[in-house]
């Protein structure tokens, strides 16, 4: 997959992993569109980036997604990469929470169902390009769950399964490539509730994505994810213990 002269949508691109990916791709000569729910933060992000357009959009809101899709079809007809990065996560204990269903619903809608909707609506545009790609940002917990973010992990496991089958399905009849970016804990504002201060830099995640584009590596195990993936295949019980040491 080429890394220059693309037109790229990045959801949740105003901060964290999405911002660093937008920064790196825009500096390589790509046209980048980022979305975010917070208009002020979105405006600040765009001001720090080159050749980047901001569009306020909550990916869980169908009307706002339809407005985004219409905007892309009209103003960015060469769109050829969609990076589904927007996410939601709650840290809580399943045995103690009194609002588990609502939290899980929010996570599943944001981290899984909204991605299916965006991909479905943008696939006609992607199919029209000579080379195109979808990137779904999942997580280390798609392989092995962590008790502090149990339902978040479940939503990412669902995304991982969907991504695999989407890749197989599109490979049969289209040139659309499907990547899955699987970071471990990353130090971003988004992750602070789940211990993000101990995570890796989002710059590392962005660099690994660009390397994967260059090499057509479709499942991208960033940092500790590679170790947990290997351990999971060797001993699922040990991998579960490693992710839940206490």
C-alpha atoms as a PDB file:
ATOM      1  CA  UNK A   1       0.000   0.000   0.000  1.00  0.00           C
ATOM      2  CA  UNK A   2       1.455   3.359  -0.962  1.00  0.00           C
ATOM      3  CA  UNK A   3       2.079   5.888   1.824  1.00  0.00           C
ATOM      4  CA  UNK A   4       1.972   9.102  -0.244  1.00  0.00           C
ATOM      5  CA  UNK A   5      -0.583  10.859  -2.445  1.00  0.00           C
ATOM      6  CA  UNK A   6      -3.553   9.288  -0.701  1.00  0.00           C
ATOM      7  CA  UNK A   7      -6.781  10.869   0.491  1.00  0.00           C
ATOM      8  CA  UNK A   8      -7.355   9.589   4.013  1.00  0.00           C
ATOM      9  CA  UNK A   9     -10.161   9.716   6.564  1.00  0.00           C
ATOM     10  CA  UNK A  10      -9.177   9.237  10.218  1.00  0.00           C
ATOM     11  CA  UNK A  11     -12.010   9.069  12.735  1.00  0.00           C
ATOM     12  CA  UNK A  12     -11.099  10.247  16.214  1.00  0.00           C
ATOM     13  CA  UNK A  13      -8.157  12.094  14.688  1.00  0.00           C
ATOM     14  CA  UNK A  14      -8.041  15.134  16.959  1.00  0.00           C
ATOM     15  CA  UNK A  15      -6.004  13.487  19.738  1.00  0.00           C
ATOM     16  CA  UNK A  16      -3.924  10.488  20.739  1.00  0.00           C
ATOM     17  CA  UNK A  17      -3.212   7.744  18.214  1.00  0.00           C
ATOM     18  CA  UNK A  18      -5.414   9.320  15.544  1.00  0.00           C
ATOM     19  CA  UNK A  19      -3.637  12.674  15.798  1.00  0.00           C
ATOM     20  CA  UNK A  20      -0.183  11.109  15.494  1.00  0.00           C
ATOM     21  CA  UNK A  21      -1.267   9.064  12.479  1.00  0.00           C
ATOM     22  CA  UNK A  22      -2.740  12.198  10.893  1.00  0.00           C
ATOM     23  CA  UNK A  23       0.453  14.144  11.573  1.00  0.00           C
ATOM     24  CA  UNK A  24       2.701  11.480  10.095  1.00  0.00           C
ATOM     25  CA  UNK A  25       0.563  10.877   7.012  1.00  0.00           C
ATOM     26  CA  UNK A  26       0.013  14.569   6.294  1.00  0.00           C
ATOM     27  CA  UNK A  27       3.769  15.182   6.467  1.00  0.00           C
ATOM     28  CA  UNK A  28       4.239  12.499   3.791  1.00  0.00           C
ATOM     29  CA  UNK A  29       2.131  14.397   1.279  1.00  0.00           C
ATOM     30  CA  UNK A  30      -1.286  12.846   1.855  1.00  0.00           C
ATOM     31  CA  UNK A  31      -4.562  14.739   2.033  1.00  0.00           C
ATOM     32  CA  UNK A  32      -6.068  13.950   5.428  1.00  0.00           C
ATOM     33  CA  UNK A  33      -9.548  14.433   6.859  1.00  0.00           C
ATOM     34  CA  UNK A  34      -9.932  13.984  10.618  1.00  0.00           C
ATOM     35  CA  UNK A  35     -13.114  13.761  12.659  1.00  0.00           C
ATOM     36  CA  UNK A  36     -13.818  14.421  16.309  1.00  0.00           C
ATOM     37  CA  UNK A  37     -16.742  15.052  18.633  1.00  0.00           C
ATOM     38  CA  UNK A  38     -15.230  18.063  20.429  1.00  0.00           C
ATOM     39  CA  UNK A  39     -15.227  21.082  18.073  1.00  0.00           C
ATOM     40  CA  UNK A  40     -12.645  23.052  20.044  1.00  0.00           C
ATOM     41  CA  UNK A  41     -10.190  20.165  20.264  1.00  0.00           C
ATOM     42  CA  UNK A  42     -10.762  19.430  16.568  1.00  0.00           C
ATOM     43  CA  UNK A  43      -9.995  23.034  15.676  1.00  0.00           C
ATOM     44  CA  UNK A  44      -6.805  22.979  17.763  1.00  0.00           C
ATOM     45  CA  UNK A  45      -5.691  19.736  16.122  1.00  0.00           C
ATOM     46  CA  UNK A  46      -6.211  21.044  12.582  1.00  0.00           C
ATOM     47  CA  UNK A  47      -4.220  24.185  13.442  1.00  0.00           C
ATOM     48  CA  UNK A  48      -1.213  22.012  14.310  1.00  0.00           C
ATOM     49  CA  UNK A  49      -1.288  19.937  11.126  1.00  0.00           C
ATOM     50  CA  UNK A  50      -0.494  20.432   7.452  1.00  0.00           C
ATOM     51  CA  UNK A  51      -2.979  19.705   4.665  1.00  0.00           C
ATOM     52  CA  UNK A  52      -5.611  18.437   7.108  1.00  0.00           C
ATOM     53  CA  UNK A  53      -9.348  19.132   7.115  1.00  0.00           C
ATOM     54  CA  UNK A  54     -11.448  18.743  10.265  1.00  0.00           C
ATOM     55  CA  UNK A  55     -15.055  17.578  10.330  1.00  0.00           C
ATOM     56  CA  UNK A  56     -17.098  17.440  13.516  1.00  0.00           C
ATOM     57  CA  UNK A  57     -18.719  14.023  13.711  1.00  0.00           C
ATOM     58  CA  UNK A  58     -19.809  11.560  16.373  1.00  0.00           C
ATOM     59  CA  UNK A  59     -19.394   8.155  14.740  1.00  0.00           C
ATOM     60  CA  UNK A  60     -22.226   6.737  16.859  1.00  0.00           C
ATOM     61  CA  UNK A  61     -24.695   9.256  15.420  1.00  0.00           C
ATOM     62  CA  UNK A  62     -26.163   8.042  12.122  1.00  0.00           C
ATOM     63  CA  UNK A  63     -27.228  11.493  10.934  1.00  0.00           C
ATOM     64  CA  UNK A  64     -23.758  12.908  11.516  1.00  0.00           C
ATOM     65  CA  UNK A  65     -22.153   9.940   9.780  1.00  0.00           C
ATOM     66  CA  UNK A  66     -24.445  10.457   6.784  1.00  0.00           C
ATOM     67  CA  UNK A  67     -23.391  14.115   6.641  1.00  0.00           C
ATOM     68  CA  UNK A  68     -19.744  13.030   6.742  1.00  0.00           C
ATOM     69  CA  UNK A  69     -20.244  10.489   3.961  1.00  0.00           C
ATOM     70  CA  UNK A  70     -22.009  13.060   1.786  1.00  0.00           C
ATOM     71  CA  UNK A  71     -19.167  15.527   2.385  1.00  0.00           C
ATOM     72  CA  UNK A  72     -16.562  12.940   1.427  1.00  0.00           C
ATOM     73  CA  UNK A  73     -18.364  11.928  -1.751  1.00  0.00           C
ATOM     74  CA  UNK A  74     -18.768  15.549  -2.803  1.00  0.00           C
ATOM     75  CA  UNK A  75     -15.496  17.164  -1.736  1.00  0.00           C
ATOM     76  CA  UNK A  76     -13.088  14.218  -1.509  1.00  0.00           C
ATOM     77  CA  UNK A  77     -14.021  11.839  -4.351  1.00  0.00           C
ATOM     78  CA  UNK A  78     -10.502  10.376  -4.369  1.00  0.00           C
ATOM     79  CA  UNK A  79     -10.818   9.065  -0.807  1.00  0.00           C
ATOM     80  CA  UNK A  80      -8.937   5.779  -0.759  1.00  0.00           C
ATOM     81  CA  UNK A  81      -8.047   5.075   2.887  1.00  0.00           C
ATOM     82  CA  UNK A  82     -10.375   4.914   5.886  1.00  0.00           C
ATOM     83  CA  UNK A  83      -8.800   4.599   9.333  1.00  0.00           C
ATOM     84  CA  UNK A  84     -11.411   3.700  11.952  1.00  0.00           C
ATOM     85  CA  UNK A  85      -9.733   4.984  15.093  1.00  0.00           C
ATOM     86  CA  UNK A  86     -12.529   6.537  17.186  1.00  0.00           C
ATOM     87  CA  UNK A  87     -13.090   4.565  20.365  1.00  0.00           C
ATOM     88  CA  UNK A  88     -14.708   4.393  23.791  1.00  0.00           C
ATOM     89  CA  UNK A  89     -13.399   2.653  26.903  1.00  0.00           C
ATOM     90  CA  UNK A  90     -14.473   2.354  30.534  1.00  0.00           C
ATOM     91  CA  UNK A  91     -12.428   0.990  33.397  1.00  0.00           C
ATOM     92  CA  UNK A  92     -14.511  -0.842  35.978  1.00  0.00           C
ATOM     93  CA  UNK A  93     -14.911  -4.143  37.796  1.00  0.00           C
ATOM     94  CA  UNK A  94     -17.668  -6.427  36.510  1.00  0.00           C
ATOM     95  CA  UNK A  95     -18.430  -7.623  40.024  1.00  0.00           C
ATOM     96  CA  UNK A  96     -18.927  -4.105  41.369  1.00  0.00           C
ATOM     97  CA  UNK A  97     -20.375  -1.990  38.568  1.00  0.00           C
ATOM     98  CA  UNK A  98     -24.065  -1.096  38.609  1.00  0.00           C
ATOM     99  CA  UNK A  99     -24.081   0.313  35.083  1.00  0.00           C
ATOM    100  CA  UNK A 100     -22.426  -2.460  33.106  1.00  0.00           C
ATOM    101  CA  UNK A 101     -25.036  -2.713  30.360  1.00  0.00           C
ATOM    102  CA  UNK A 102     -24.890   0.978  29.436  1.00  0.00           C
ATOM    103  CA  UNK A 103     -21.091   1.065  29.449  1.00  0.00           C
ATOM    104  CA  UNK A 104     -20.885  -2.079  27.348  1.00  0.00           C
ATOM    105  CA  UNK A 105     -23.496  -0.682  24.951  1.00  0.00           C
ATOM    106  CA  UNK A 106     -21.504   2.529  24.489  1.00  0.00           C
ATOM    107  CA  UNK A 107     -18.314   0.590  23.855  1.00  0.00           C
ATOM    108  CA  UNK A 108     -19.911  -1.857  21.439  1.00  0.00           C
ATOM    109  CA  UNK A 109     -21.591   0.913  19.456  1.00  0.00           C
ATOM    110  CA  UNK A 110     -18.450   3.028  19.196  1.00  0.00           C
ATOM    111  CA  UNK A 111     -15.789   0.337  18.847  1.00  0.00           C
ATOM    112  CA  UNK A 112     -17.657  -2.141  16.660  1.00  0.00           C
ATOM    113  CA  UNK A 113     -21.066  -1.301  15.211  1.00  0.00           C
ATOM    114  CA  UNK A 114     -20.207   2.252  14.147  1.00  0.00           C
ATOM    115  CA  UNK A 115     -17.200   0.915  12.234  1.00  0.00           C
ATOM    116  CA  UNK A 116     -19.383  -1.524  10.315  1.00  0.00           C
ATOM    117  CA  UNK A 117     -21.687   1.354   9.377  1.00  0.00           C
ATOM    118  CA  UNK A 118     -18.897   3.661   8.196  1.00  0.00           C
ATOM    119  CA  UNK A 119     -17.231   0.911   6.183  1.00  0.00           C
ATOM    120  CA  UNK A 120     -20.505  -0.042   4.544  1.00  0.00           C
ATOM    121  CA  UNK A 121     -21.265   3.544   3.553  1.00  0.00           C
ATOM    122  CA  UNK A 122     -17.773   4.284   2.235  1.00  0.00           C
ATOM    123  CA  UNK A 123     -17.047   1.020   0.437  1.00  0.00           C
ATOM    124  CA  UNK A 124     -18.549   2.240  -2.873  1.00  0.00           C
ATOM    125  CA  UNK A 125     -16.098   5.163  -2.849  1.00  0.00           C
ATOM    126  CA  UNK A 126     -13.170   2.928  -1.895  1.00  0.00           C
ATOM    127  CA  UNK A 127     -14.048   0.382  -4.598  1.00  0.00           C
ATOM    128  CA  UNK A 128     -13.854   3.149  -7.203  1.00  0.00           C
ATOM    129  CA  UNK A 129     -10.167   3.820  -6.479  1.00  0.00           C
ATOM    130  CA  UNK A 130      -7.231   2.022  -8.072  1.00  0.00           C
ATOM    131  CA  UNK A 131      -5.724   1.253  -4.656  1.00  0.00           C
ATOM    132  CA  UNK A 132      -7.562   1.561  -1.362  1.00  0.00           C
ATOM    133  CA  UNK A 133      -7.568   0.361   2.213  1.00  0.00           C
ATOM    134  CA  UNK A 134      -9.522   0.135   5.440  1.00  0.00           C
ATOM    135  CA  UNK A 135      -7.709   0.217   8.781  1.00  0.00           C
ATOM    136  CA  UNK A 136      -9.601  -0.920  11.862  1.00  0.00           C
ATOM    137  CA  UNK A 137      -7.888   0.010  15.121  1.00  0.00           C
ATOM    138  CA  UNK A 138      -8.476  -2.745  17.651  1.00  0.00           C
ATOM    139  CA  UNK A 139      -6.280  -3.654  20.635  1.00  0.00           C
ATOM    140  CA  UNK A 140      -4.116  -6.156  22.449  1.00  0.00           C
ATOM    141  CA  UNK A 141      -7.269  -7.149  24.367  1.00  0.00           C
ATOM    142  CA  UNK A 142      -8.827  -8.447  21.157  1.00  0.00           C
ATOM    143  CA  UNK A 143      -6.653 -11.509  21.796  1.00  0.00           C
ATOM    144  CA  UNK A 144      -6.567 -11.700  25.596  1.00  0.00           C
ATOM    145  CA  UNK A 145      -8.930  -9.722  27.885  1.00  0.00           C
ATOM    146  CA  UNK A 146      -8.024  -7.605  30.870  1.00  0.00           C
ATOM    147  CA  UNK A 147     -10.371  -7.514  33.848  1.00  0.00           C
ATOM    148  CA  UNK A 148     -10.084  -3.737  34.208  1.00  0.00           C
ATOM    149  CA  UNK A 149     -11.611  -3.200  30.771  1.00  0.00           C
ATOM    150  CA  UNK A 150     -13.659  -6.339  30.254  1.00  0.00           C
ATOM    151  CA  UNK A 151     -16.425  -5.082  27.988  1.00  0.00           C
ATOM    152  CA  UNK A 152     -14.013  -2.863  26.063  1.00  0.00           C
ATOM    153  CA  UNK A 153     -12.015  -6.015  25.347  1.00  0.00           C
ATOM    154  CA  UNK A 154     -15.161  -7.803  24.209  1.00  0.00           C
ATOM    155  CA  UNK A 155     -15.924  -5.013  21.726  1.00  0.00           C
ATOM    156  CA  UNK A 156     -12.396  -5.211  20.335  1.00  0.00           C
ATOM    157  CA  UNK A 157     -12.611  -9.003  20.059  1.00  0.00           C
ATOM    158  CA  UNK A 158     -15.774  -8.537  17.987  1.00  0.00           C
ATOM    159  CA  UNK A 159     -13.949  -5.988  15.819  1.00  0.00           C
ATOM    160  CA  UNK A 160     -11.050  -8.399  15.318  1.00  0.00           C
ATOM    161  CA  UNK A 161     -13.383 -11.162  14.114  1.00  0.00           C
ATOM    162  CA  UNK A 162     -15.224  -8.794  11.779  1.00  0.00           C
ATOM    163  CA  UNK A 163     -11.964  -7.429  10.388  1.00  0.00           C
ATOM    164  CA  UNK A 164     -10.682 -10.880   9.498  1.00  0.00           C
ATOM    165  CA  UNK A 165     -13.823 -11.806   7.593  1.00  0.00           C
ATOM    166  CA  UNK A 166     -14.008  -8.381   5.932  1.00  0.00           C
ATOM    167  CA  UNK A 167     -10.457  -8.898   4.654  1.00  0.00           C
ATOM    168  CA  UNK A 168     -11.329 -12.288   3.204  1.00  0.00           C
ATOM    169  CA  UNK A 169     -14.570 -11.070   1.638  1.00  0.00           C
ATOM    170  CA  UNK A 170     -13.109  -7.966  -0.020  1.00  0.00           C
ATOM    171  CA  UNK A 171     -10.071  -9.832  -1.328  1.00  0.00           C
ATOM    172  CA  UNK A 172     -12.353 -12.024  -3.432  1.00  0.00           C
ATOM    173  CA  UNK A 173     -13.936  -9.267  -5.470  1.00  0.00           C
ATOM    174  CA  UNK A 174     -12.156  -5.925  -4.840  1.00  0.00           C
ATOM    175  CA  UNK A 175      -8.717  -4.350  -4.486  1.00  0.00           C
ATOM    176  CA  UNK A 176      -9.581  -2.935  -1.049  1.00  0.00           C
ATOM    177  CA  UNK A 177      -6.963  -4.006   1.491  1.00  0.00           C
ATOM    178  CA  UNK A 178      -7.981  -4.467   5.135  1.00  0.00           C
ATOM    179  CA  UNK A 179      -5.506  -3.755   7.923  1.00  0.00           C
ATOM    180  CA  UNK A 180      -5.932  -4.204  11.662  1.00  0.00           C
ATOM    181  CA  UNK A 181      -3.827  -2.039  13.969  1.00  0.00           C
ATOM    182  CA  UNK A 182      -3.495  -3.688  17.386  1.00  0.00           C
ATOM    183  CA  UNK A 183      -1.779  -1.466  19.965  1.00  0.00           C
ATOM    184  CA  UNK A 184      -1.048  -2.394  23.568  1.00  0.00           C
ATOM    185  CA  UNK A 185      -1.685   0.216  26.259  1.00  0.00           C
ATOM    186  CA  UNK A 186      -0.866   3.647  24.796  1.00  0.00           C
ATOM    187  CA  UNK A 187      -0.235   6.839  26.739  1.00  0.00           C
ATOM    188  CA  UNK A 188      -3.035   9.121  25.536  1.00  0.00           C
ATOM    189  CA  UNK A 189      -5.732  11.247  27.156  1.00  0.00           C
ATOM    190  CA  UNK A 190      -8.223   8.581  26.070  1.00  0.00           C
ATOM    191  CA  UNK A 191      -6.464   5.823  28.027  1.00  0.00           C
ATOM    192  CA  UNK A 192      -5.756   7.577  31.309  1.00  0.00           C
ATOM    193  CA  UNK A 193      -8.731   5.941  33.035  1.00  0.00           C
ATOM    194  CA  UNK A 194      -7.286   2.520  32.252  1.00  0.00           C
ATOM    195  CA  UNK A 195      -3.684   3.300  33.253  1.00  0.00           C
ATOM    196  CA  UNK A 196      -2.465   4.956  30.069  1.00  0.00           C
ATOM    197  CA  UNK A 197       0.361   6.733  31.890  1.00  0.00           C
ATOM    198  CA  UNK A 198       2.222   3.408  31.743  1.00  0.00           C
ATOM    199  CA  UNK A 199       1.662   2.946  28.028  1.00  0.00           C
ATOM    200  CA  UNK A 200       3.828   3.446  24.959  1.00  0.00           C
ATOM    201  CA  UNK A 201       3.920   6.630  22.903  1.00  0.00           C
ATOM    202  CA  UNK A 202       1.246   6.986  20.193  1.00  0.00           C
ATOM    203  CA  UNK A 203       4.078   7.911  17.821  1.00  0.00           C
ATOM    204  CA  UNK A 204       5.237   4.275  17.932  1.00  0.00           C
ATOM    205  CA  UNK A 205       1.772   3.128  16.873  1.00  0.00           C
ATOM    206  CA  UNK A 206       1.714   5.553  13.939  1.00  0.00           C
ATOM    207  CA  UNK A 207       5.181   4.454  12.811  1.00  0.00           C
ATOM    208  CA  UNK A 208       4.190   0.795  12.898  1.00  0.00           C
ATOM    209  CA  UNK A 209       1.120   1.525  10.768  1.00  0.00           C
ATOM    210  CA  UNK A 210       3.204   3.233   8.097  1.00  0.00           C
ATOM    211  CA  UNK A 211       5.662   0.332   8.081  1.00  0.00           C
ATOM    212  CA  UNK A 212       2.748  -2.078   7.675  1.00  0.00           C
ATOM    213  CA  UNK A 213       1.422  -0.077   4.720  1.00  0.00           C
ATOM    214  CA  UNK A 214       4.809  -0.275   3.024  1.00  0.00           C
ATOM    215  CA  UNK A 215       5.015  -4.034   3.521  1.00  0.00           C
ATOM    216  CA  UNK A 216       1.316  -4.957   3.190  1.00  0.00           C
ATOM    217  CA  UNK A 217       1.362  -6.452   6.693  1.00  0.00           C
ATOM    218  CA  UNK A 218      -2.324  -6.694   7.416  1.00  0.00           C
ATOM    219  CA  UNK A 219      -2.356  -7.564  11.145  1.00  0.00           C
ATOM    220  CA  UNK A 220      -0.129  -5.138  13.019  1.00  0.00           C
ATOM    221  CA  UNK A 221       0.966  -6.270  16.488  1.00  0.00           C
ATOM    222  CA  UNK A 222       2.408  -3.141  18.095  1.00  0.00           C
ATOM    223  CA  UNK A 223       4.835  -3.441  21.016  1.00  0.00           C
ATOM    224  CA  UNK A 224       3.680  -5.825  23.744  1.00  0.00           C
ATOM    225  CA  UNK A 225       0.828  -7.071  21.562  1.00  0.00           C
ATOM    226  CA  UNK A 226       3.341  -9.217  19.668  1.00  0.00           C
ATOM    227  CA  UNK A 227       4.494 -10.845  22.909  1.00  0.00           C
ATOM    228  CA  UNK A 228       0.964 -11.508  24.166  1.00  0.00           C
ATOM    229  CA  UNK A 229      -0.042 -12.914  20.767  1.00  0.00           C
ATOM    230  CA  UNK A 230       2.865 -15.364  20.831  1.00  0.00           C
ATOM    231  CA  UNK A 231       2.163 -16.341  24.444  1.00  0.00           C
ATOM    232  CA  UNK A 232      -1.530 -16.810  23.698  1.00  0.00           C
ATOM    233  CA  UNK A 233      -0.723 -19.350  20.998  1.00  0.00           C
ATOM    234  CA  UNK A 234       1.777 -21.136  23.230  1.00  0.00           C
ATOM    235  CA  UNK A 235      -0.343 -21.126  26.386  1.00  0.00           C
ATOM    236  CA  UNK A 236      -3.716 -19.345  26.571  1.00  0.00           C
ATOM    237  CA  UNK A 237      -3.789 -19.736  30.359  1.00  0.00           C
ATOM    238  CA  UNK A 238      -0.402 -18.060  30.768  1.00  0.00           C
ATOM    239  CA  UNK A 239      -1.432 -15.246  28.436  1.00  0.00           C
ATOM    240  CA  UNK A 240      -4.574 -14.627  30.493  1.00  0.00           C
ATOM    241  CA  UNK A 241      -2.484 -14.538  33.655  1.00  0.00           C
ATOM    242  CA  UNK A 242      -0.008 -12.133  32.084  1.00  0.00           C
ATOM    243  CA  UNK A 243      -2.833  -9.752  31.212  1.00  0.00           C
ATOM    244  CA  UNK A 244      -4.429 -10.137  34.652  1.00  0.00           C
ATOM    245  CA  UNK A 245      -1.529 -10.483  37.128  1.00  0.00           C
ATOM    246  CA  UNK A 246      -3.474  -9.439  40.246  1.00  0.00           C
END
